[in-house]
Amino acid sequence: MNPKNQRWKGKVGNVKQLGGIETAILDNGTGKGVRIANIDTGAGFRYQLVLDRAMDISTAQFGEHGLAWISHVGITPPAPFTADGIDWLSTFGGGLLTTCGLSHVGGPENDAYGKRGLHGRISNNPAEIIAIKQ
């Protein structure tokens, strides 16, 4: 390991003073029960992953500046929806990054291969945490 990356050792009481990852479960509002991970890079950039929504990035800040647009819906639990029209919007929380696809990206359409709603279903799939390393 590069010694330059360890300059903080012995100078802070807890590595969380410098940044890190903290997971939580929302307990209020439309996002009640949704798993999230708050990431602080230690360099002024902080963001929130919605683990239960394909690890979409819901909020992001650099210093005092917000970088993401949040819809009126906010964070919502993953929910199956029909492939009809624009139903996808009923669970769209906005954010810095929202996953679209994998089966379809774009507006609703109906053709010889079937019926597809707006943007596909991937953002309604929860992620599985394999490891978190601070």
Protein backbone atom coordinates (compact mmCIF):
# COMPACT_ATOMS: atom_id res chain seq x y z
CA MET A 1 0.00 0.00 0.00
CA ASN A 2 1.23 3.48 -0.88
CA PRO A 3 2.42 5.31 2.29
CA LYS A 4 1.04 8.60 0.92
CA ASN A 5 -2.46 7.12 1.26
CA GLN A 6 -1.87 6.54 4.99
CA ARG A 7 -0.87 10.09 6.01
CA TRP A 8 -3.94 10.38 8.22
CA LYS A 9 -2.98 7.41 10.44
CA GLY A 10 -2.42 8.50 14.03
CA LYS A 11 -3.82 11.98 13.33
CA VAL A 12 -7.57 11.35 13.59
CA GLY A 13 -9.56 9.41 16.14
CA ASN A 14 -11.87 7.78 13.61
CA VAL A 15 -11.51 7.31 9.86
CA LYS A 16 -15.14 8.52 9.46
CA GLN A 17 -13.79 12.04 10.03
CA LEU A 18 -12.22 11.77 6.58
CA GLY A 19 -15.07 10.14 4.67
CA GLY A 20 -16.50 6.71 4.12
CA ILE A 21 -19.62 4.72 3.41
CA GLU A 22 -22.59 4.34 5.72
CA THR A 23 -25.64 2.24 4.91
CA ALA A 24 -29.11 2.89 6.30
CA ILE A 25 -32.78 2.09 5.84
CA LEU A 26 -35.16 5.01 5.38
CA ASP A 27 -37.86 5.03 8.04
CA ASN A 28 -40.22 7.78 6.89
CA GLY A 29 -42.13 9.09 3.88
CA THR A 30 -42.44 7.54 0.44
CA GLY A 31 -39.06 5.85 0.79
CA LYS A 32 -39.85 4.01 4.02
CA GLY A 33 -37.99 0.70 4.11
CA VAL A 34 -35.65 1.53 1.22
CA ARG A 35 -31.93 0.70 1.67
CA ILE A 36 -29.47 3.49 0.93
CA ALA A 37 -25.74 4.08 1.15
CA ASN A 38 -24.31 7.52 1.90
CA ILE A 39 -20.85 7.99 0.44
CA ASP A 40 -18.49 10.78 1.51
CA THR A 41 -15.35 10.88 -0.63
CA GLY A 42 -13.52 13.07 1.87
CA ALA A 43 -12.78 15.59 -0.87
CA GLY A 44 -16.04 17.56 -0.77
CA PHE A 45 -18.11 15.21 -2.94
CA ARG A 46 -20.94 13.34 -1.20
CA TYR A 47 -23.68 11.25 -2.75
CA GLN A 48 -26.42 8.78 -1.89
CA LEU A 49 -26.96 5.44 -3.60
CA VAL A 50 -30.43 3.95 -3.49
CA LEU A 51 -29.45 0.31 -3.09
CA ASP A 52 -33.01 -0.93 -3.62
CA ARG A 53 -33.30 1.00 -6.89
CA ALA A 54 -30.44 -0.45 -9.01
CA MET A 55 -27.93 1.67 -7.05
CA ASP A 56 -29.28 4.85 -8.64
CA ILE A 57 -27.66 8.04 -7.33
CA SER A 58 -30.45 10.03 -5.70
CA THR A 59 -28.62 13.03 -4.27
CA ALA A 60 -25.17 14.47 -4.77
CA GLN A 61 -23.38 17.50 -3.39
CA PHE A 62 -20.01 19.07 -3.91
CA GLY A 63 -19.22 21.31 -0.98
CA GLU A 64 -22.37 23.32 -0.37
CA HIS A 65 -23.75 22.86 -3.88
CA GLY A 66 -26.45 20.34 -4.76
CA LEU A 67 -25.86 18.57 -8.06
CA ALA A 68 -29.06 16.56 -8.52
CA TRP A 69 -32.66 17.33 -9.37
CA ILE A 70 -35.17 15.51 -7.14
CA SER A 71 -38.72 14.89 -8.36
CA HIS A 72 -41.80 15.48 -6.21
CA VAL A 73 -42.02 11.68 -5.69
CA GLY A 74 -38.58 11.45 -4.06
CA ILE A 75 -37.17 8.05 -3.18
CA THR A 76 -39.67 5.23 -3.55
CA PRO A 77 -39.37 1.49 -2.95
CA PRO A 78 -38.88 -0.70 -5.98
CA ALA A 79 -42.27 -1.54 -7.42
CA PRO A 80 -43.35 -3.74 -10.28
CA PHE A 81 -45.30 -1.80 -12.85
CA THR A 82 -46.95 -2.58 -16.12
CA ALA A 83 -45.29 -2.00 -19.46
CA ASP A 84 -48.03 0.47 -20.29
CA GLY A 85 -47.14 3.94 -21.45
CA ILE A 86 -45.44 6.14 -18.89
CA ASP A 87 -46.12 4.16 -15.68
CA TRP A 88 -42.36 4.32 -15.03
CA LEU A 89 -42.77 7.97 -14.01
CA SER A 90 -44.86 7.02 -10.97
CA THR A 91 -41.69 5.80 -9.23
CA PHE A 92 -39.16 8.20 -10.81
CA GLY A 93 -37.38 10.07 -8.02
CA GLY A 94 -35.04 12.07 -10.21
CA GLY A 95 -31.52 12.28 -8.87
CA LEU A 96 -28.07 12.54 -10.37
CA LEU A 97 -28.30 9.17 -12.15
CA THR A 98 -31.28 6.93 -12.81
CA THR A 99 -30.79 3.56 -14.47
CA CYS A 100 -32.85 2.91 -17.61
CA GLY A 101 -33.10 -0.28 -19.65
CA LEU A 102 -31.87 -3.05 -19.88
CA SER A 103 -34.79 -4.38 -21.87
CA HIS A 104 -35.76 -0.97 -23.25
CA VAL A 105 -34.52 2.61 -23.26
CA GLY A 106 -36.72 5.36 -24.58
CA GLY A 107 -40.39 6.13 -24.88
CA PRO A 108 -43.22 3.62 -24.75
CA GLU A 109 -43.65 1.54 -27.88
CA ASN A 110 -45.56 -1.40 -29.24
CA ASP A 111 -44.29 -3.43 -32.19
CA ALA A 112 -43.98 -6.98 -33.50
CA TYR A 113 -41.66 -7.85 -30.58
CA GLY A 114 -44.08 -6.74 -27.88
CA LYS A 115 -45.10 -3.88 -25.67
CA ARG A 116 -42.54 -1.81 -23.80
CA GLY A 117 -43.14 1.01 -21.39
CA LEU A 118 -40.96 4.03 -20.76
CA HIS A 119 -37.29 3.14 -20.00
CA GLY A 120 -37.64 -0.51 -18.93
CA ARG A 121 -37.71 -2.04 -15.45
CA ILE A 122 -34.10 -2.22 -14.27
CA SER A 123 -34.29 0.72 -11.83
CA ASN A 124 -36.93 -1.21 -9.89
CA ASN A 125 -34.45 -4.01 -9.09
CA PRO A 126 -32.61 -4.01 -5.76
CA ALA A 127 -28.84 -4.43 -5.65
CA GLU A 128 -27.12 -7.09 -3.59
CA ILE A 129 -24.27 -5.85 -1.42
CA ILE A 130 -21.29 -8.14 -1.88
CA ALA A 131 -18.80 -6.09 0.15
CA ILE A 132 -18.20 -2.62 1.53
CA LYS A 133 -14.61 -1.64 2.16
CA GLN A 134 -13.83 1.58 3.99
